[in-house]
């Protein structure tokens, strides 16, 4: 019988992993601002090191967010707040940095994933966490290139998806962007909802194995940072741009 997941215990290691992802993201965005926004090396984001770094940050952020839903209080409210923060990011980037506008960024993705998973939670919790994790991983890999027009991941490439799926910004939210669509931070529901679900089920696997006690001990400093993820996420870019202004003397 599966051990019950509760929200009473604070898992410091989860906070620490979230804090590590956040610190990584802040450093990455600082490099992005210097190289891409200020044009010192416009193609920096296409370099292999930058691509791997960015993917690592995204994977860790979304996986930890999925795991955290298991002991999150008022999940629906939190999902709405995160989604609202995602909309705010779109409005701000449209007004201030339209060349680097964010449509359906990671906050929008996590907020929507929280709401959808919470709505289906009674069904998901009936599944074996091992089966749920395996199916979520398989679906994530299968849907990884949906935004690029086909199913498959890595060298496995299935026949292209119908073009009529890729219509407008509404379909872009689900993972079917139209031609000419651009976002400097794009995380549609497909495939990233499945990565979020993988995190949700992985924590339940940990609980089933009675290994959650290993996640109680915090990571110095990183765990404290990880408790304030949303606030730091919203504030870090204005701070970074202010630093860049001090360095370069202009926006």
Protein backbone atom coordinates (compact mmCIF):
# COMPACT_ATOMS: atom_id res chain seq x y z
CA UNK A 1 0.00 0.00 0.00
CA UNK A 2 1.34 3.45 -0.95
CA UNK A 3 2.44 5.78 1.83
CA UNK A 4 0.31 8.89 2.03
CA UNK A 5 1.84 12.08 0.62
CA UNK A 6 1.25 15.04 2.92
CA UNK A 7 2.11 18.75 2.91
CA UNK A 8 3.13 18.84 6.59
CA UNK A 9 6.84 18.12 6.13
CA UNK A 10 9.14 20.64 4.49
CA UNK A 11 11.48 18.84 2.12
CA UNK A 12 14.60 20.96 2.18
CA UNK A 13 16.29 19.05 -0.63
CA UNK A 14 13.37 19.81 -2.97
CA UNK A 15 13.70 23.51 -2.07
CA UNK A 16 17.44 23.21 -2.69
CA UNK A 17 17.01 21.63 -6.12
CA UNK A 18 14.51 24.37 -7.00
CA UNK A 19 16.97 26.97 -5.75
CA UNK A 20 19.78 25.42 -7.83
CA UNK A 21 17.60 25.57 -10.95
CA UNK A 22 16.75 29.19 -10.15
CA UNK A 23 20.39 30.25 -9.66
CA UNK A 24 21.29 28.49 -12.90
CA UNK A 25 18.48 30.31 -14.67
CA UNK A 26 19.53 33.74 -13.34
CA UNK A 27 23.12 33.20 -14.53
CA UNK A 28 21.90 31.93 -17.91
CA UNK A 29 19.62 34.95 -18.35
CA UNK A 30 22.46 37.29 -17.46
CA UNK A 31 24.53 35.72 -20.24
CA UNK A 32 21.51 35.96 -22.55
CA UNK A 33 21.11 39.67 -21.79
CA UNK A 34 24.78 40.38 -22.46
CA UNK A 35 25.23 38.23 -25.56
CA UNK A 36 21.79 38.35 -27.21
CA UNK A 37 19.96 41.46 -26.00
CA UNK A 38 23.08 43.66 -26.13
CA UNK A 39 24.36 41.85 -29.21
CA UNK A 40 27.89 40.94 -28.08
CA UNK A 41 27.40 37.46 -29.52
CA UNK A 42 23.89 37.19 -31.02
CA UNK A 43 24.16 33.48 -31.86
CA UNK A 44 25.31 32.51 -28.36
CA UNK A 45 22.02 30.73 -27.56
CA UNK A 46 22.63 28.37 -30.50
CA UNK A 47 25.99 27.17 -29.20
CA UNK A 48 25.98 23.53 -27.96
CA UNK A 49 26.98 24.53 -24.43
CA UNK A 50 24.19 27.13 -24.18
CA UNK A 51 21.60 24.71 -25.59
CA UNK A 52 22.53 21.95 -23.10
CA UNK A 53 22.63 24.43 -20.22
CA UNK A 54 19.22 25.86 -21.09
CA UNK A 55 17.65 22.40 -21.44
CA UNK A 56 19.12 21.31 -18.09
CA UNK A 57 17.60 24.35 -16.37
CA UNK A 58 14.19 23.78 -17.95
CA UNK A 59 14.12 20.06 -17.25
CA UNK A 60 15.06 20.54 -13.59
CA UNK A 61 12.63 23.43 -13.07
CA UNK A 62 9.61 21.59 -14.49
CA UNK A 63 10.43 18.24 -12.88
CA UNK A 64 10.76 19.84 -9.44
CA UNK A 65 7.54 21.80 -10.01
CA UNK A 66 5.72 18.56 -10.81
CA UNK A 67 7.11 16.83 -7.71
CA UNK A 68 6.19 19.82 -5.52
CA UNK A 69 2.52 19.60 -6.47
CA UNK A 70 2.27 16.52 -4.23
CA UNK A 71 2.71 18.61 -1.09
CA UNK A 72 1.58 22.02 -2.32
CA UNK A 73 -1.22 23.72 -0.43
CA UNK A 74 -4.03 25.48 -2.32
CA UNK A 75 -2.68 24.12 -5.60
CA UNK A 76 -5.43 25.62 -7.78
CA UNK A 77 -4.83 29.10 -6.37
CA UNK A 78 -1.08 28.70 -6.84
CA UNK A 79 -1.63 27.55 -10.42
CA UNK A 80 -3.67 30.67 -11.14
CA UNK A 81 -1.01 32.92 -9.56
CA UNK A 82 1.78 31.32 -11.62
CA UNK A 83 -0.31 31.56 -14.79
CA UNK A 84 -0.99 35.22 -14.04
CA UNK A 85 2.74 35.80 -13.57
CA UNK A 86 3.26 34.22 -17.00
CA UNK A 87 0.78 36.65 -18.55
CA UNK A 88 2.58 39.50 -16.79
CA UNK A 89 5.87 38.40 -18.37
CA UNK A 90 4.23 38.55 -21.81
CA UNK A 91 2.83 42.05 -21.21
CA UNK A 92 6.12 43.40 -19.86
CA UNK A 93 8.28 41.95 -22.64
CA UNK A 94 5.84 43.21 -25.28
CA UNK A 95 6.10 46.71 -23.82
CA UNK A 96 9.81 46.83 -22.99
CA UNK A 97 11.60 44.26 -25.18
CA UNK A 98 9.29 43.42 -28.10
CA UNK A 99 12.16 41.79 -30.02
CA UNK A 100 12.45 39.28 -27.18
CA UNK A 101 8.77 38.88 -26.34
CA UNK A 102 7.77 35.85 -24.26
CA UNK A 103 4.69 33.98 -25.45
CA UNK A 104 3.77 30.92 -23.37
CA UNK A 105 6.97 30.84 -21.33
CA UNK A 106 7.88 28.48 -18.53
CA UNK A 107 5.63 30.21 -15.96
CA UNK A 108 2.60 29.87 -18.22
CA UNK A 109 3.46 26.22 -18.77
CA UNK A 110 3.92 25.43 -15.08
CA UNK A 111 0.76 27.33 -14.10
CA UNK A 112 -1.35 25.50 -16.69
CA UNK A 113 0.25 22.16 -15.76
CA UNK A 114 -0.57 22.74 -12.08
CA UNK A 115 -4.21 23.49 -12.92
CA UNK A 116 -4.62 20.54 -15.28
CA UNK A 117 -2.88 18.07 -12.99
CA UNK A 118 -4.88 19.27 -10.00
CA UNK A 119 -8.11 18.87 -11.98
CA UNK A 120 -7.14 15.27 -12.84
CA UNK A 121 -5.52 14.51 -9.51
CA UNK A 122 -8.15 12.07 -8.23
CA UNK A 123 -7.63 9.98 -11.38
CA UNK A 124 -3.84 10.26 -11.41
CA UNK A 125 -3.53 9.22 -7.78
CA UNK A 126 -5.24 5.91 -8.56
CA UNK A 127 -2.46 4.96 -10.96
CA UNK A 128 0.64 3.08 -9.92
CA UNK A 129 3.35 5.77 -9.65
CA UNK A 130 5.76 3.48 -11.52
CA UNK A 131 3.33 3.14 -14.42
CA UNK A 132 2.50 6.85 -14.33
CA UNK A 133 6.19 7.81 -14.44
CA UNK A 134 6.95 5.40 -17.28
CA UNK A 135 3.97 6.53 -19.38
CA UNK A 136 4.73 10.23 -18.72
CA UNK A 137 8.36 9.77 -19.82
CA UNK A 138 7.30 7.87 -22.95
CA UNK A 139 4.75 10.53 -23.89
CA UNK A 140 7.26 13.33 -23.24
CA UNK A 141 9.80 11.71 -25.57
CA UNK A 142 7.12 11.01 -28.18
CA UNK A 143 5.80 14.59 -28.10
CA UNK A 144 9.15 16.35 -27.71
CA UNK A 145 9.23 17.65 -31.30
CA UNK A 146 5.52 18.39 -31.66
CA UNK A 147 6.32 22.16 -31.81
CA UNK A 148 8.67 21.37 -34.71
CA UNK A 149 5.95 19.59 -36.66
CA UNK A 150 6.51 15.91 -35.94
CA UNK A 151 6.49 13.22 -33.28
CA UNK A 152 9.68 11.70 -31.92
CA UNK A 153 12.82 12.59 -30.03
CA UNK A 154 16.54 12.57 -30.74
CA UNK A 155 17.20 10.46 -33.88
CA UNK A 156 13.73 8.87 -33.85
CA UNK A 157 11.57 10.93 -36.19
CA UNK A 158 8.05 9.87 -37.13
CA UNK A 159 6.07 11.21 -40.11
CA UNK A 160 5.15 14.91 -39.87
CA UNK A 161 1.96 16.03 -38.17
CA UNK A 162 -0.85 17.64 -40.23
CA UNK A 163 -0.21 21.30 -41.03
CA UNK A 164 -3.78 22.26 -40.12
CA UNK A 165 -2.87 21.75 -36.45
CA UNK A 166 -0.48 24.72 -36.61
CA UNK A 167 -2.90 27.61 -36.98
CA UNK A 168 -2.55 30.49 -34.51
CA UNK A 169 -1.49 31.60 -31.05
CA UNK A 170 -4.15 29.44 -29.41
CA UNK A 171 -2.77 26.30 -31.02
CA UNK A 172 0.75 27.54 -30.12
CA UNK A 173 -0.23 27.37 -26.44
CA UNK A 174 -0.87 23.64 -26.84
CA UNK A 175 2.33 23.02 -28.85
CA UNK A 176 1.33 23.75 -32.44
CA UNK A 177 2.84 27.15 -33.33
CA UNK A 178 2.00 28.73 -36.70
CA UNK A 179 4.66 29.68 -39.22
CA UNK A 180 6.55 32.78 -38.20
CA UNK A 181 5.74 32.32 -34.52
CA UNK A 182 8.49 33.57 -32.20
CA UNK A 183 8.96 33.55 -28.45
CA UNK A 184 12.23 34.01 -26.58
CA UNK A 185 10.95 31.55 -23.95
CA UNK A 186 8.51 28.99 -25.35
CA UNK A 187 7.15 26.08 -23.30
CA UNK A 188 3.85 24.81 -24.71
CA UNK A 189 1.79 22.11 -23.01
CA UNK A 190 3.10 19.55 -25.49
CA UNK A 191 5.54 18.15 -24.59
CA UNK A 192 6.21 19.88 -21.25
CA UNK A 193 3.01 18.84 -19.45
CA UNK A 194 4.31 15.26 -19.60
CA UNK A 195 7.60 16.26 -17.98
CA UNK A 196 5.63 17.97 -15.22
CA UNK A 197 3.60 14.77 -14.76
CA UNK A 198 6.84 12.78 -14.69
CA UNK A 199 7.96 14.90 -11.73
CA UNK A 200 4.57 14.41 -10.07
CA UNK A 201 4.82 10.63 -10.36
CA UNK A 202 8.54 10.43 -9.49
CA UNK A 203 7.84 11.92 -6.08
CA UNK A 204 5.14 9.30 -5.56
CA UNK A 205 7.66 6.64 -6.54
CA UNK A 206 9.98 8.03 -3.86
CA UNK A 207 7.16 7.85 -1.32
CA UNK A 208 6.27 4.30 -2.41
CA UNK A 209 9.92 3.33 -1.81
CA UNK A 210 9.77 5.10 1.58
CA UNK A 211 12.75 7.23 0.63
CA UNK A 212 11.22 10.66 1.25
CA UNK A 213 13.17 10.98 4.51
CA UNK A 214 16.31 11.53 2.44
CA UNK A 215 14.78 14.75 1.05
CA UNK A 216 14.19 16.50 4.38
CA UNK A 217 17.71 17.86 4.91
CA UNK A 218 18.11 21.28 3.20
CA UNK A 219 20.98 22.48 1.04
CA UNK A 220 22.58 25.56 2.66
CA UNK A 221 21.48 28.82 0.99
CA UNK A 222 19.97 27.08 -2.07
CA UNK A 223 17.04 25.76 -0.04
CA UNK A 224 16.31 29.28 1.25
CA UNK A 225 16.43 30.63 -2.30
CA UNK A 226 14.14 27.84 -3.46
CA UNK A 227 11.40 28.95 -1.07
CA UNK A 228 11.02 32.26 -2.95
CA UNK A 229 11.19 31.07 -6.56
CA UNK A 230 8.32 33.06 -8.05
CA UNK A 231 9.32 36.39 -6.50
CA UNK A 232 12.95 35.99 -7.60
CA UNK A 233 11.85 34.93 -11.07
CA UNK A 234 9.74 38.06 -11.51
CA UNK A 235 12.41 40.42 -10.16
CA UNK A 236 15.64 38.99 -11.55
CA UNK A 237 15.40 40.31 -15.11
CA UNK A 238 14.78 43.97 -14.13
CA UNK A 239 17.78 43.69 -11.80
CA UNK A 240 19.93 42.08 -14.50
CA UNK A 241 18.93 44.70 -17.05
CA UNK A 242 19.81 47.41 -14.54
CA UNK A 243 23.27 45.86 -14.14
CA UNK A 244 23.64 45.72 -17.93
CA UNK A 245 22.65 49.40 -18.14
CA UNK A 246 25.39 50.24 -15.65
CA UNK A 247 27.88 48.26 -17.76
CA UNK A 248 26.87 49.38 -21.25
CA UNK A 249 25.27 52.75 -20.50
CA UNK A 250 22.09 52.17 -22.52
CA UNK A 251 19.17 49.80 -22.99
